[in-house]
Amino acid sequence: MTRVGIIGASGYAAADLMRLLLGHPGAEIVALADLPDKCGPLARLFPQFAGRLDIRITPADAEALADGCEVVFLALPHTASMTYAGPLLEAGARVIDFSADYRLKTPGLYEKVYATPPDEANLADAVYGLPELYRDEIRPAQLIANPGCYPTGVILGLAPLVREGLIDTHDIIVDAKSGASGAGRTPKLLTHYPECNESLQAYAIGAHRHQPEIAEQLSYLAGTGVDVLFVPHLAPMDRGIESTIYAKPLQDLTRERLAELYHAAYDAEPFVVVRDEPPATKHIAGTNYVHVFPTLAGGRVVVSAVVDNLTKGAAGQALQNMNLMFGHDETAGLR
């Protein structure tokens, strides 16, 4: 059994991770931790675990967690994870971080986006945890930077095109819609029920913190710079992300050629499904699957990609990474 701990156990992504781990044949949750004001019986915060996971959330102590856990998931806000990652690694635990603290490798980029200096000592060894692209690097890694929810769908939606040099990497537009759980459990006016129900709103136009992450990862695949205009929207649903991606082709393409390209890229992947019609967020709700649909329209390549922001966009992908790191079947706990 892989012994698992979670810091930040009071959040939605952590709850989704617990849900998945309870169905994992080779993992056991042995410790839950958070800030002192968020501690206490788990079932008090998440009644759905009553009678299923009788455990207390305790104040986060990196040394104590590393002593009892082989892997610790950090389900913490950006800039908070680096407080715990270093001590956990030094104490011998492997770490999977849900935040952006170890995602951005370009010098100066993390500090520019998050207004905080990065943890340079551990950043260099962190592996970006997108299994479909970095499976071999993930297996031996000690520190995984779990991708953002928006970037997961967008990067997988564009990867086949970018790798083959089929699109203009300086003319990419992403129109994305996310459920309200993507904003976390802390109450905010934007996600307050009367504000977001029966409504659709764009936010952080061209300035969302996931835009640099998307551009950086795509630039690695392309071998050249990538510019992305990213426009996220808050949609009146609990969970799920739909990203419609527009790119300018650099050569003549047909729908048949696109389908062949995407099937060649993803048919062997356990959690990516290439569709022959536009997918819906309901098709992947609560699952670790990504559904993608590539087509041509208006002289552009148009790709629709859907993911569950809490599962493939956070907890499910983190568990997929853990499976690779500890030699479990990659799909364990995720089917």
C-alpha atoms as a PDB file:
ATOM      1  CA  MET A   1       0.000   0.000   0.000  1.00  0.00           C
ATOM      2  CA  THR A   2       1.198   3.492  -0.842  1.00  0.00           C
ATOM      3  CA  ARG A   3       0.767   5.656   2.260  1.00  0.00           C
ATOM      4  CA  VAL A   4      -0.768   9.009   1.348  1.00  0.00           C
ATOM      5  CA  GLY A   5      -1.005  12.371   3.098  1.00  0.00           C
ATOM      6  CA  ILE A   6      -2.795  15.522   1.971  1.00  0.00           C
ATOM      7  CA  ILE A   7      -2.084  19.103   3.058  1.00  0.00           C
ATOM      8  CA  GLY A   8      -4.945  21.476   2.264  1.00  0.00           C
ATOM      9  CA  ALA A   9      -7.561  18.838   3.014  1.00  0.00           C
ATOM     10  CA  SER A  10     -10.406  21.345   3.403  1.00  0.00           C
ATOM     11  CA  GLY A  11     -10.632  22.242  -0.300  1.00  0.00           C
ATOM     12  CA  TYR A  12     -12.692  20.912  -3.185  1.00  0.00           C
ATOM     13  CA  ALA A  13      -9.735  19.383  -5.043  1.00  0.00           C
ATOM     14  CA  ALA A  14      -8.620  17.568  -1.890  1.00  0.00           C
ATOM     15  CA  ALA A  15     -12.125  16.188  -1.404  1.00  0.00           C
ATOM     16  CA  ASP A  16     -12.139  14.912  -4.975  1.00  0.00           C
ATOM     17  CA  LEU A  17      -8.772  13.278  -4.363  1.00  0.00           C
ATOM     18  CA  MET A  18     -10.108  11.542  -1.241  1.00  0.00           C
ATOM     19  CA  ARG A  19     -13.114  10.311  -3.225  1.00  0.00           C
ATOM     20  CA  LEU A  20     -10.787   8.712  -5.776  1.00  0.00           C
ATOM     21  CA  LEU A  21      -8.307   7.325  -3.251  1.00  0.00           C
ATOM     22  CA  LEU A  22     -11.087   5.505  -1.405  1.00  0.00           C
ATOM     23  CA  GLY A  23     -11.536   3.435  -4.554  1.00  0.00           C
ATOM     24  CA  HIS A  24      -7.817   2.828  -5.123  1.00  0.00           C
ATOM     25  CA  PRO A  25      -6.710  -0.782  -4.564  1.00  0.00           C
ATOM     26  CA  GLY A  26      -3.128   0.093  -3.669  1.00  0.00           C
ATOM     27  CA  ALA A  27      -3.252   3.341  -1.685  1.00  0.00           C
ATOM     28  CA  GLU A  28      -4.283   4.341   1.822  1.00  0.00           C
ATOM     29  CA  ILE A  29      -4.970   7.808   3.214  1.00  0.00           C
ATOM     30  CA  VAL A  30      -3.049   7.955   6.490  1.00  0.00           C
ATOM     31  CA  ALA A  31      -2.919  11.716   7.198  1.00  0.00           C
ATOM     32  CA  LEU A  32      -4.898  14.853   6.428  1.00  0.00           C
ATOM     33  CA  ALA A  33      -3.614  18.309   7.338  1.00  0.00           C
ATOM     34  CA  ASP A  34      -4.397  21.980   6.872  1.00  0.00           C
ATOM     35  CA  LEU A  35      -4.102  25.346   8.594  1.00  0.00           C
ATOM     36  CA  PRO A  36      -5.112  25.281  12.284  1.00  0.00           C
ATOM     37  CA  ASP A  37      -8.475  27.013  11.721  1.00  0.00           C
ATOM     38  CA  LYS A  38      -9.482  24.325   9.202  1.00  0.00           C
ATOM     39  CA  CYS A  39      -8.735  21.304  11.376  1.00  0.00           C
ATOM     40  CA  GLY A  40     -11.097  18.832  13.010  1.00  0.00           C
ATOM     41  CA  PRO A  41     -13.107  15.776  11.955  1.00  0.00           C
ATOM     42  CA  LEU A  42     -13.184  15.394   8.179  1.00  0.00           C
ATOM     43  CA  ALA A  43     -16.904  14.602   8.154  1.00  0.00           C
ATOM     44  CA  ARG A  44     -17.621  17.997   9.718  1.00  0.00           C
ATOM     45  CA  LEU A  45     -16.248  19.708   6.592  1.00  0.00           C
ATOM     46  CA  PHE A  46     -17.338  17.068   4.088  1.00  0.00           C
ATOM     47  CA  PRO A  47     -20.306  15.037   5.386  1.00  0.00           C
ATOM     48  CA  GLN A  48     -20.119  12.746   2.337  1.00  0.00           C
ATOM     49  CA  PHE A  49     -17.175  10.999   4.012  1.00  0.00           C
ATOM     50  CA  ALA A  50     -19.051  10.155   7.218  1.00  0.00           C
ATOM     51  CA  GLY A  51     -18.654   6.448   7.885  1.00  0.00           C
ATOM     52  CA  ARG A  52     -16.259   6.121   4.951  1.00  0.00           C
ATOM     53  CA  LEU A  53     -13.166   7.989   6.080  1.00  0.00           C
ATOM     54  CA  ASP A  54     -13.098   8.541   9.835  1.00  0.00           C
ATOM     55  CA  ILE A  55     -10.014  10.700  10.166  1.00  0.00           C
ATOM     56  CA  ARG A  56      -9.178  14.119  11.613  1.00  0.00           C
ATOM     57  CA  ILE A  57      -7.575  17.002   9.787  1.00  0.00           C
ATOM     58  CA  THR A  58      -4.588  18.083  11.878  1.00  0.00           C
ATOM     59  CA  PRO A  59      -2.279  21.137  11.713  1.00  0.00           C
ATOM     60  CA  ALA A  60       0.216  20.761   8.870  1.00  0.00           C
ATOM     61  CA  ASP A  61       3.609  19.482  10.064  1.00  0.00           C
ATOM     62  CA  ALA A  62       5.916  18.556   7.198  1.00  0.00           C
ATOM     63  CA  GLU A  63       8.282  16.425   9.269  1.00  0.00           C
ATOM     64  CA  ALA A  64       5.488  14.411  10.880  1.00  0.00           C
ATOM     65  CA  LEU A  65       3.753  13.863   7.544  1.00  0.00           C
ATOM     66  CA  ALA A  66       6.945  12.732   5.838  1.00  0.00           C
ATOM     67  CA  ASP A  67       7.551  10.270   8.665  1.00  0.00           C
ATOM     68  CA  GLY A  68       4.291   8.436   7.991  1.00  0.00           C
ATOM     69  CA  CYS A  69       3.656   9.070   4.297  1.00  0.00           C
ATOM     70  CA  GLU A  70       5.407   8.004   1.115  1.00  0.00           C
ATOM     71  CA  VAL A  71       3.730  10.742  -0.900  1.00  0.00           C
ATOM     72  CA  VAL A  72       2.126  14.015   0.153  1.00  0.00           C
ATOM     73  CA  PHE A  73      -0.309  15.926  -2.039  1.00  0.00           C
ATOM     74  CA  LEU A  74      -0.240  19.695  -1.585  1.00  0.00           C
ATOM     75  CA  ALA A  75      -3.767  20.971  -2.308  1.00  0.00           C
ATOM     76  CA  LEU A  76      -2.805  24.518  -1.352  1.00  0.00           C
ATOM     77  CA  PRO A  77      -3.077  27.998  -2.886  1.00  0.00           C
ATOM     78  CA  HIS A  78      -0.336  29.389  -5.087  1.00  0.00           C
ATOM     79  CA  THR A  79       2.745  30.584  -3.125  1.00  0.00           C
ATOM     80  CA  ALA A  80       1.735  28.475  -0.102  1.00  0.00           C
ATOM     81  CA  SER A  81       2.935  25.094  -1.380  1.00  0.00           C
ATOM     82  CA  MET A  82       6.612  26.009  -1.441  1.00  0.00           C
ATOM     83  CA  THR A  83       6.475  26.423   2.355  1.00  0.00           C
ATOM     84  CA  TYR A  84       5.959  22.662   2.681  1.00  0.00           C
ATOM     85  CA  ALA A  85       7.463  21.118  -0.465  1.00  0.00           C
ATOM     86  CA  GLY A  86      11.111  21.657   0.472  1.00  0.00           C
ATOM     87  CA  PRO A  87      10.874  20.255   4.022  1.00  0.00           C
ATOM     88  CA  LEU A  88       8.837  17.264   2.800  1.00  0.00           C
ATOM     89  CA  LEU A  89      11.392  16.453   0.116  1.00  0.00           C
ATOM     90  CA  GLU A  90      14.275  16.810   2.557  1.00  0.00           C
ATOM     91  CA  ALA A  91      12.507  14.426   4.945  1.00  0.00           C
ATOM     92  CA  GLY A  92      12.198  11.786   2.228  1.00  0.00           C
ATOM     93  CA  ALA A  93       8.594  12.116   1.013  1.00  0.00           C
ATOM     94  CA  ARG A  94       7.640  12.503  -2.618  1.00  0.00           C
ATOM     95  CA  VAL A  95       5.439  15.494  -3.380  1.00  0.00           C
ATOM     96  CA  ILE A  96       2.643  16.206  -5.859  1.00  0.00           C
ATOM     97  CA  ASP A  97       1.754  19.902  -5.829  1.00  0.00           C
ATOM     98  CA  PHE A  98      -1.624  21.165  -7.064  1.00  0.00           C
ATOM     99  CA  SER A  99      -0.542  24.815  -7.127  1.00  0.00           C
ATOM    100  CA  ALA A 100       1.447  26.735  -9.729  1.00  0.00           C
ATOM    101  CA  ASP A 101       4.517  26.996  -7.491  1.00  0.00           C
ATOM    102  CA  TYR A 102       6.604  24.569  -9.552  1.00  0.00           C
ATOM    103  CA  ARG A 103       4.989  24.789 -13.001  1.00  0.00           C
ATOM    104  CA  LEU A 104       6.776  27.752 -14.583  1.00  0.00           C
ATOM    105  CA  LYS A 105      10.408  27.199 -15.556  1.00  0.00           C
ATOM    106  CA  THR A 106      11.168  30.336 -17.574  1.00  0.00           C
ATOM    107  CA  PRO A 107      13.459  32.550 -15.424  1.00  0.00           C
ATOM    108  CA  GLY A 108      11.522  35.396 -13.833  1.00  0.00           C
ATOM    109  CA  LEU A 109       8.125  34.195 -15.081  1.00  0.00           C
ATOM    110  CA  TYR A 110       6.752  32.846 -11.791  1.00  0.00           C
ATOM    111  CA  GLU A 111       7.719  36.005  -9.916  1.00  0.00           C
ATOM    112  CA  LYS A 112       6.151  38.151 -12.646  1.00  0.00           C
ATOM    113  CA  VAL A 113       2.860  36.242 -12.566  1.00  0.00           C
ATOM    114  CA  TYR A 114       2.552  35.543  -8.818  1.00  0.00           C
ATOM    115  CA  ALA A 115       4.562  38.459  -7.382  1.00  0.00           C
ATOM    116  CA  THR A 116       6.617  36.075  -5.230  1.00  0.00           C
ATOM    117  CA  PRO A 117      10.120  34.666  -5.800  1.00  0.00           C
ATOM    118  CA  PRO A 118      10.031  30.957  -6.675  1.00  0.00           C
ATOM    119  CA  ASP A 119      11.610  28.100  -4.727  1.00  0.00           C
ATOM    120  CA  GLU A 120      14.660  27.942  -7.000  1.00  0.00           C
ATOM    121  CA  ALA A 121      16.207  25.095  -5.001  1.00  0.00           C
ATOM    122  CA  ASN A 122      13.445  22.663  -5.971  1.00  0.00           C
ATOM    123  CA  LEU A 123      12.048  24.212  -9.148  1.00  0.00           C
ATOM    124  CA  ALA A 124      14.793  22.804 -11.348  1.00  0.00           C
ATOM    125  CA  ASP A 125      13.942  19.216 -10.398  1.00  0.00           C
ATOM    126  CA  ALA A 126      10.160  19.555 -10.612  1.00  0.00           C
ATOM    127  CA  VAL A 127       8.436  17.645 -13.426  1.00  0.00           C
ATOM    128  CA  TYR A 128       5.320  19.004 -15.127  1.00  0.00           C
ATOM    129  CA  GLY A 129       2.739  16.334 -14.392  1.00  0.00           C
ATOM    130  CA  LEU A 130       0.927  15.889 -17.702  1.00  0.00           C
ATOM    131  CA  PRO A 131       1.271  12.124 -18.254  1.00  0.00           C
ATOM    132  CA  GLU A 132       0.321  12.225 -21.918  1.00  0.00           C
ATOM    133  CA  LEU A 133       3.450  14.313 -22.571  1.00  0.00           C
ATOM    134  CA  TYR A 134       5.885  13.502 -19.746  1.00  0.00           C
ATOM    135  CA  ARG A 135       5.124   9.962 -18.608  1.00  0.00           C
ATOM    136  CA  ASP A 136       8.761   8.800 -18.584  1.00  0.00           C
ATOM    137  CA  GLU A 137       9.923  11.846 -16.604  1.00  0.00           C
ATOM    138  CA  ILE A 138       7.105  11.481 -14.065  1.00  0.00           C
ATOM    139  CA  ARG A 139       7.940   7.916 -12.995  1.00  0.00           C
ATOM    140  CA  PRO A 140      11.240   8.689 -11.178  1.00  0.00           C
ATOM    141  CA  ALA A 141      10.312  12.220 -10.085  1.00  0.00           C
ATOM    142  CA  GLN A 142      10.359  13.340  -6.466  1.00  0.00           C
ATOM    143  CA  LEU A 143       8.367  16.535  -7.091  1.00  0.00           C
ATOM    144  CA  ILE A 144       5.462  16.839  -9.510  1.00  0.00           C
ATOM    145  CA  ALA A 145       3.949  20.141 -10.602  1.00  0.00           C
ATOM    146  CA  ASN A 146       0.353  19.110 -11.271  1.00  0.00           C
ATOM    147  CA  PRO A 147      -0.932  21.108 -14.270  1.00  0.00           C
ATOM    148  CA  GLY A 148      -3.610  23.750 -14.020  1.00  0.00           C
ATOM    149  CA  CYS A 149      -7.188  22.835 -14.942  1.00  0.00           C
ATOM    150  CA  TYR A 150      -7.485  25.140 -17.948  1.00  0.00           C
ATOM    151  CA  PRO A 151      -4.005  24.246 -19.286  1.00  0.00           C
ATOM    152  CA  THR A 152      -4.737  20.498 -19.183  1.00  0.00           C
ATOM    153  CA  GLY A 153      -7.506  20.676 -21.782  1.00  0.00           C
ATOM    154  CA  VAL A 154      -5.894  23.398 -23.870  1.00  0.00           C
ATOM    155  CA  ILE A 155      -2.446  21.788 -24.075  1.00  0.00           C
ATOM    156  CA  LEU A 156      -3.855  18.372 -24.945  1.00  0.00           C
ATOM    157  CA  GLY A 157      -6.176  20.019 -27.444  1.00  0.00           C
ATOM    158  CA  LEU A 158      -3.275  21.702 -29.244  1.00  0.00           C
ATOM    159  CA  ALA A 159      -0.356  19.281 -28.736  1.00  0.00           C
ATOM    160  CA  PRO A 160      -0.790  17.236 -31.960  1.00  0.00           C
ATOM    161  CA  LEU A 161      -0.940  20.404 -34.065  1.00  0.00           C
ATOM    162  CA  VAL A 162       1.965  22.162 -32.363  1.00  0.00           C
ATOM    163  CA  ARG A 163       4.290  19.140 -32.432  1.00  0.00           C
ATOM    164  CA  GLU A 164       3.818  18.776 -36.178  1.00  0.00           C
ATOM    165  CA  GLY A 165       4.215  22.492 -36.915  1.00  0.00           C
ATOM    166  CA  LEU A 166       0.789  22.629 -38.536  1.00  0.00           C
ATOM    167  CA  ILE A 167      -0.435  25.935 -37.078  1.00  0.00           C
ATOM    168  CA  ASP A 168       0.757  29.499 -36.618  1.00  0.00           C
ATOM    169  CA  THR A 169       2.001  29.505 -33.024  1.00  0.00           C
ATOM    170  CA  HIS A 170       1.552  33.283 -32.814  1.00  0.00           C
ATOM    171  CA  ASP A 171      -2.145  33.218 -33.711  1.00  0.00           C
ATOM    172  CA  ILE A 172      -3.938  31.006 -31.166  1.00  0.00           C
ATOM    173  CA  ILE A 173      -7.178  31.978 -29.427  1.00  0.00           C
ATOM    174  CA  VAL A 174      -8.692  30.006 -26.550  1.00  0.00           C
ATOM    175  CA  ASP A 175     -12.272  30.646 -25.400  1.00  0.00           C
ATOM    176  CA  ALA A 176     -12.847  28.613 -22.220  1.00  0.00           C
ATOM    177  CA  LYS A 177     -15.748  28.162 -19.790  1.00  0.00           C
ATOM    178  CA  SER A 178     -15.358  26.754 -16.275  1.00  0.00           C
ATOM    179  CA  GLY A 179     -17.679  25.688 -13.506  1.00  0.00           C
ATOM    180  CA  ALA A 180     -17.628  27.664 -10.268  1.00  0.00           C
ATOM    181  CA  SER A 181     -15.709  25.044  -8.271  1.00  0.00           C
ATOM    182  CA  GLY A 182     -12.595  26.120 -10.208  1.00  0.00           C
ATOM    183  CA  ALA A 183     -12.466  29.205  -7.994  1.00  0.00           C
ATOM    184  CA  GLY A 184     -12.070  27.084  -4.857  1.00  0.00           C
ATOM    185  CA  ARG A 185     -14.154  26.750  -1.713  1.00  0.00           C
ATOM    186  CA  THR A 186     -13.413  30.147  -0.167  1.00  0.00           C
ATOM    187  CA  PRO A 187     -16.483  32.373  -0.723  1.00  0.00           C
ATOM    188  CA  LYS A 188     -16.116  35.100  -3.362  1.00  0.00           C
ATOM    189  CA  LEU A 189     -18.604  37.579  -4.773  1.00  0.00           C
ATOM    190  CA  LEU A 190     -18.012  36.351  -8.343  1.00  0.00           C
ATOM    191  CA  THR A 191     -18.972  32.773  -7.415  1.00  0.00           C
ATOM    192  CA  HIS A 192     -21.753  33.636  -4.957  1.00  0.00           C
ATOM    193  CA  TYR A 193     -24.876  31.781  -6.144  1.00  0.00           C
ATOM    194  CA  PRO A 194     -27.064  34.840  -6.928  1.00  0.00           C
ATOM    195  CA  GLU A 195     -24.184  36.361  -8.903  1.00  0.00           C
ATOM    196  CA  CYS A 196     -23.228  33.400 -11.094  1.00  0.00           C
ATOM    197  CA  ASN A 197     -26.435  31.379 -11.454  1.00  0.00           C
ATOM    198  CA  GLU A 198     -28.285  31.967 -14.751  1.00  0.00           C
ATOM    199  CA  SER A 199     -25.293  33.990 -15.957  1.00  0.00           C
ATOM    200  CA  LEU A 200     -22.130  33.716 -18.064  1.00  0.00           C
ATOM    201  CA  GLN A 201     -19.222  36.102 -17.552  1.00  0.00           C
ATOM    202  CA  ALA A 202     -15.748  36.557 -19.015  1.00  0.00           C
ATOM    203  CA  TYR A 203     -12.973  37.454 -16.597  1.00  0.00           C
ATOM    204  CA  ALA A 204      -9.203  38.100 -16.582  1.00  0.00           C
ATOM    205  CA  ILE A 205      -9.294  38.609 -20.368  1.00  0.00           C
ATOM    206  CA  GLY A 206      -5.766  38.099 -21.679  1.00  0.00           C
ATOM    207  CA  ALA A 207      -4.444  38.294 -18.112  1.00  0.00           C
ATOM    208  CA  HIS A 208      -5.327  34.954 -16.510  1.00  0.00           C
ATOM    209  CA  ARG A 209      -2.498  33.278 -14.605  1.00  0.00           C
ATOM    210  CA  HIS A 210      -2.879  30.081 -16.628  1.00  0.00           C
ATOM    211  CA  GLN A 211      -2.024  31.842 -19.884  1.00  0.00           C
ATOM    212  CA  PRO A 212       1.776  31.852 -19.282  1.00  0.00           C
ATOM    213  CA  GLU A 213       1.603  28.173 -18.265  1.00  0.00           C
ATOM    214  CA  ILE A 214      -0.192  27.265 -21.501  1.00  0.00           C
ATOM    215  CA  ALA A 215       2.220  29.273 -23.634  1.00  0.00           C
ATOM    216  CA  GLU A 216       5.327  27.892 -21.925  1.00  0.00           C
ATOM    217  CA  GLN A 217       4.322  24.244 -22.290  1.00  0.00           C
ATOM    218  CA  LEU A 218       3.256  24.689 -25.909  1.00  0.00           C
ATOM    219  CA  SER A 219       6.544  26.419 -26.673  1.00  0.00           C
ATOM    220  CA  TYR A 220       8.419  23.343 -25.449  1.00  0.00           C
ATOM    221  CA  LEU A 221       6.391  21.187 -27.839  1.00  0.00           C
ATOM    222  CA  ALA A 222       6.756  23.616 -30.740  1.00  0.00           C
ATOM    223  CA  GLY A 223      10.445  24.338 -30.217  1.00  0.00           C
ATOM    224  CA  THR A 224       9.654  28.025 -30.674  1.00  0.00           C
ATOM    225  CA  GLY A 225       7.737  30.820 -29.011  1.00  0.00           C
ATOM    226  CA  VAL A 226       3.967  30.532 -28.680  1.00  0.00           C
ATOM    227  CA  ASP A 227       1.434  33.325 -28.173  1.00  0.00           C
ATOM    228  CA  VAL A 228      -2.010  32.511 -26.803  1.00  0.00           C
ATOM    229  CA  LEU A 229      -4.950  34.855 -26.310  1.00  0.00           C
ATOM    230  CA  PHE A 230      -6.769  33.154 -23.460  1.00  0.00           C
ATOM    231  CA  VAL A 231     -10.267  34.262 -22.464  1.00  0.00           C
ATOM    232  CA  PRO A 232     -11.831  32.328 -19.552  1.00  0.00           C
ATOM    233  CA  HIS A 233     -15.480  32.516 -18.531  1.00  0.00           C
ATOM    234  CA  LEU A 234     -17.367  31.559 -15.399  1.00  0.00           C
ATOM    235  CA  ALA A 235     -20.248  29.245 -16.315  1.00  0.00           C
ATOM    236  CA  PRO A 236     -23.287  28.481 -14.115  1.00  0.00           C
ATOM    237  CA  MET A 237     -22.354  24.877 -13.282  1.00  0.00           C
ATOM    238  CA  ASP A 238     -20.504  23.162 -10.439  1.00  0.00           C
ATOM    239  CA  ARG A 239     -17.701  21.493 -12.375  1.00  0.00           C
ATOM    240  CA  GLY A 240     -16.283  21.042 -15.858  1.00  0.00           C
ATOM    241  CA  ILE A 241     -14.366  23.079 -18.432  1.00  0.00           C
ATOM    242  CA  GLU A 242     -15.034  23.461 -22.139  1.00  0.00           C
ATOM    243  CA  SER A 243     -12.274  25.070 -24.192  1.00  0.00           C
ATOM    244  CA  THR A 244     -12.851  26.072 -27.806  1.00  0.00           C
ATOM    245  CA  ILE A 245      -9.493  26.640 -29.469  1.00  0.00           C
ATOM    246  CA  TYR A 246      -8.928  28.528 -32.727  1.00  0.00           C
ATOM    247  CA  ALA A 247      -5.677  28.300 -34.700  1.00  0.00           C
ATOM    248  CA  LYS A 248      -4.529  29.347 -38.179  1.00  0.00           C
ATOM    249  CA  PRO A 249      -3.269  26.397 -40.291  1.00  0.00           C
ATOM    250  CA  LEU A 250       0.072  26.727 -42.094  1.00  0.00           C
ATOM    251  CA  GLN A 251      -0.825  24.155 -44.741  1.00  0.00           C
ATOM    252  CA  ASP A 252      -3.889  22.661 -46.353  1.00  0.00           C
ATOM    253  CA  LEU A 253      -5.671  20.386 -43.915  1.00  0.00           C
ATOM    254  CA  THR A 254      -8.806  18.299 -44.144  1.00  0.00           C
ATOM    255  CA  ARG A 255     -11.087  17.069 -41.412  1.00  0.00           C
ATOM    256  CA  GLU A 256      -9.963  13.547 -42.247  1.00  0.00           C
ATOM    257  CA  ARG A 257      -6.299  14.474 -41.826  1.00  0.00           C
ATOM    258  CA  LEU A 258      -7.061  16.127 -38.477  1.00  0.00           C
ATOM    259  CA  ALA A 259      -8.926  13.072 -37.238  1.00  0.00           C
ATOM    260  CA  GLU A 260      -6.030  10.818 -38.239  1.00  0.00           C
ATOM    261  CA  LEU A 261      -3.557  13.120 -36.479  1.00  0.00           C
ATOM    262  CA  TYR A 262      -5.499  13.145 -33.213  1.00  0.00           C
ATOM    263  CA  HIS A 263      -6.248   9.433 -33.246  1.00  0.00           C
ATOM    264  CA  ALA A 264      -2.545   8.693 -33.807  1.00  0.00           C
ATOM    265  CA  ALA A 265      -1.667  10.942 -30.871  1.00  0.00           C
ATOM    266  CA  TYR A 266      -4.253   9.714 -28.378  1.00  0.00           C
ATOM    267  CA  ASP A 267      -5.765   6.330 -29.179  1.00  0.00           C
ATOM    268  CA  ALA A 268      -3.214   4.609 -26.923  1.00  0.00           C
ATOM    269  CA  GLU A 269      -3.850   7.050 -24.073  1.00  0.00           C
ATOM    270  CA  PRO A 270      -6.108   5.673 -21.320  1.00  0.00           C
ATOM    271  CA  PHE A 271      -7.825   8.989 -20.572  1.00  0.00           C
ATOM    272  CA  VAL A 272      -8.016  10.902 -23.855  1.00  0.00           C
ATOM    273  CA  VAL A 273     -10.928  10.235 -26.196  1.00  0.00           C
ATOM    274  CA  VAL A 274     -11.028  11.686 -29.721  1.00  0.00           C
ATOM    275  CA  ARG A 275     -14.638  12.430 -30.612  1.00  0.00           C
ATOM    276  CA  ASP A 276     -16.302  12.841 -34.003  1.00  0.00           C
ATOM    277  CA  GLU A 277     -18.672  15.509 -32.671  1.00  0.00           C
ATOM    278  CA  PRO A 278     -18.324  18.350 -30.148  1.00  0.00           C
ATOM    279  CA  PRO A 279     -18.218  16.985 -26.573  1.00  0.00           C
ATOM    280  CA  ALA A 280     -20.087  18.321 -23.545  1.00  0.00           C
ATOM    281  CA  THR A 281     -18.892  18.792 -19.983  1.00  0.00           C
ATOM    282  CA  LYS A 282     -21.552  16.333 -18.782  1.00  0.00           C
ATOM    283  CA  HIS A 283     -19.771  13.622 -20.765  1.00  0.00           C
ATOM    284  CA  ILE A 284     -16.714  13.793 -18.489  1.00  0.00           C
ATOM    285  CA  ALA A 285     -18.158  15.036 -15.174  1.00  0.00           C
ATOM    286  CA  GLY A 286     -16.498  13.338 -12.217  1.00  0.00           C
ATOM    287  CA  THR A 287     -14.042  11.453 -14.434  1.00  0.00           C
ATOM    288  CA  ASN A 288     -10.370  11.672 -15.374  1.00  0.00           C
ATOM    289  CA  TYR A 289     -11.144  11.763 -19.085  1.00  0.00           C
ATOM    290  CA  VAL A 290     -10.444  14.438 -21.684  1.00  0.00           C
ATOM    291  CA  HIS A 291     -12.640  14.497 -24.780  1.00  0.00           C
ATOM    292  CA  VAL A 292     -11.295  16.349 -27.827  1.00  0.00           C
ATOM    293  CA  PHE A 293     -12.894  17.148 -31.172  1.00  0.00           C
ATOM    294  CA  PRO A 294     -10.813  18.723 -33.973  1.00  0.00           C
ATOM    295  CA  THR A 295     -12.400  20.230 -37.080  1.00  0.00           C
ATOM    296  CA  LEU A 296     -12.072  23.032 -39.643  1.00  0.00           C
ATOM    297  CA  ALA A 297     -14.264  26.132 -39.824  1.00  0.00           C
ATOM    298  CA  GLY A 298     -13.849  29.625 -41.232  1.00  0.00           C
ATOM    299  CA  GLY A 299     -10.329  28.969 -42.444  1.00  0.00           C
ATOM    300  CA  ARG A 300      -9.198  27.888 -38.988  1.00  0.00           C
ATOM    301  CA  VAL A 301      -8.545  24.710 -37.118  1.00  0.00           C
ATOM    302  CA  VAL A 302     -11.098  24.566 -34.310  1.00  0.00           C
ATOM    303  CA  VAL A 303     -10.645  22.166 -31.399  1.00  0.00           C
ATOM    304  CA  SER A 304     -13.146  21.606 -28.603  1.00  0.00           C
ATOM    305  CA  ALA A 305     -11.727  20.006 -25.444  1.00  0.00           C
ATOM    306  CA  VAL A 306     -13.604  19.190 -22.240  1.00  0.00           C
ATOM    307  CA  VAL A 307     -12.228  18.167 -18.834  1.00  0.00           C
ATOM    308  CA  ASP A 308     -13.538  18.022 -15.294  1.00  0.00           C
ATOM    309  CA  ASN A 309     -11.638  20.806 -13.529  1.00  0.00           C
ATOM    310  CA  LEU A 310     -11.576  18.938 -10.204  1.00  0.00           C
ATOM    311  CA  THR A 311     -10.636  15.515 -11.590  1.00  0.00           C
ATOM    312  CA  LYS A 312      -8.440  15.498 -14.718  1.00  0.00           C
ATOM    313  CA  GLY A 313      -7.866  19.188 -14.016  1.00  0.00           C
ATOM    314  CA  ALA A 314      -6.617  18.516 -10.467  1.00  0.00           C
ATOM    315  CA  ALA A 315      -7.173  15.441  -8.253  1.00  0.00           C
ATOM    316  CA  GLY A 316      -7.515  12.750 -10.922  1.00  0.00           C
ATOM    317  CA  GLN A 317      -4.426  13.893 -12.765  1.00  0.00           C
ATOM    318  CA  ALA A 318      -2.529  14.012  -9.468  1.00  0.00           C
ATOM    319  CA  LEU A 319      -3.578  10.422  -8.758  1.00  0.00           C
ATOM    320  CA  GLN A 320      -2.580   9.409 -12.293  1.00  0.00           C
ATOM    321  CA  ASN A 321       0.850  10.870 -11.531  1.00  0.00           C
ATOM    322  CA  MET A 322       1.044   9.001  -8.224  1.00  0.00           C
ATOM    323  CA  ASN A 323       0.230   5.754 -10.010  1.00  0.00           C
ATOM    324  CA  LEU A 324       3.140   6.286 -12.375  1.00  0.00           C
ATOM    325  CA  MET A 325       5.514   7.268  -9.558  1.00  0.00           C
ATOM    326  CA  PHE A 326       4.761   4.209  -7.417  1.00  0.00           C
ATOM    327  CA  GLY A 327       4.375   1.542 -10.078  1.00  0.00           C
ATOM    328  CA  HIS A 328       0.609   1.141  -9.855  1.00  0.00           C
ATOM    329  CA  ASP A 329      -1.493   0.572 -12.938  1.00  0.00           C
ATOM    330  CA  GLU A 330      -1.858   4.083 -14.391  1.00  0.00           C
ATOM    331  CA  THR A 331      -5.640   3.828 -14.309  1.00  0.00           C
ATOM    332  CA  ALA A 332      -5.932   2.543 -10.707  1.00  0.00           C
ATOM    333  CA  GLY A 333      -8.676   4.372  -8.837  1.00  0.00           C
ATOM    334  CA  LEU A 334      -9.605   6.339 -11.952  1.00  0.00           C
ATOM    335  CA  ARG A 335     -11.868   4.057 -13.964  1.00  0.00           C
END
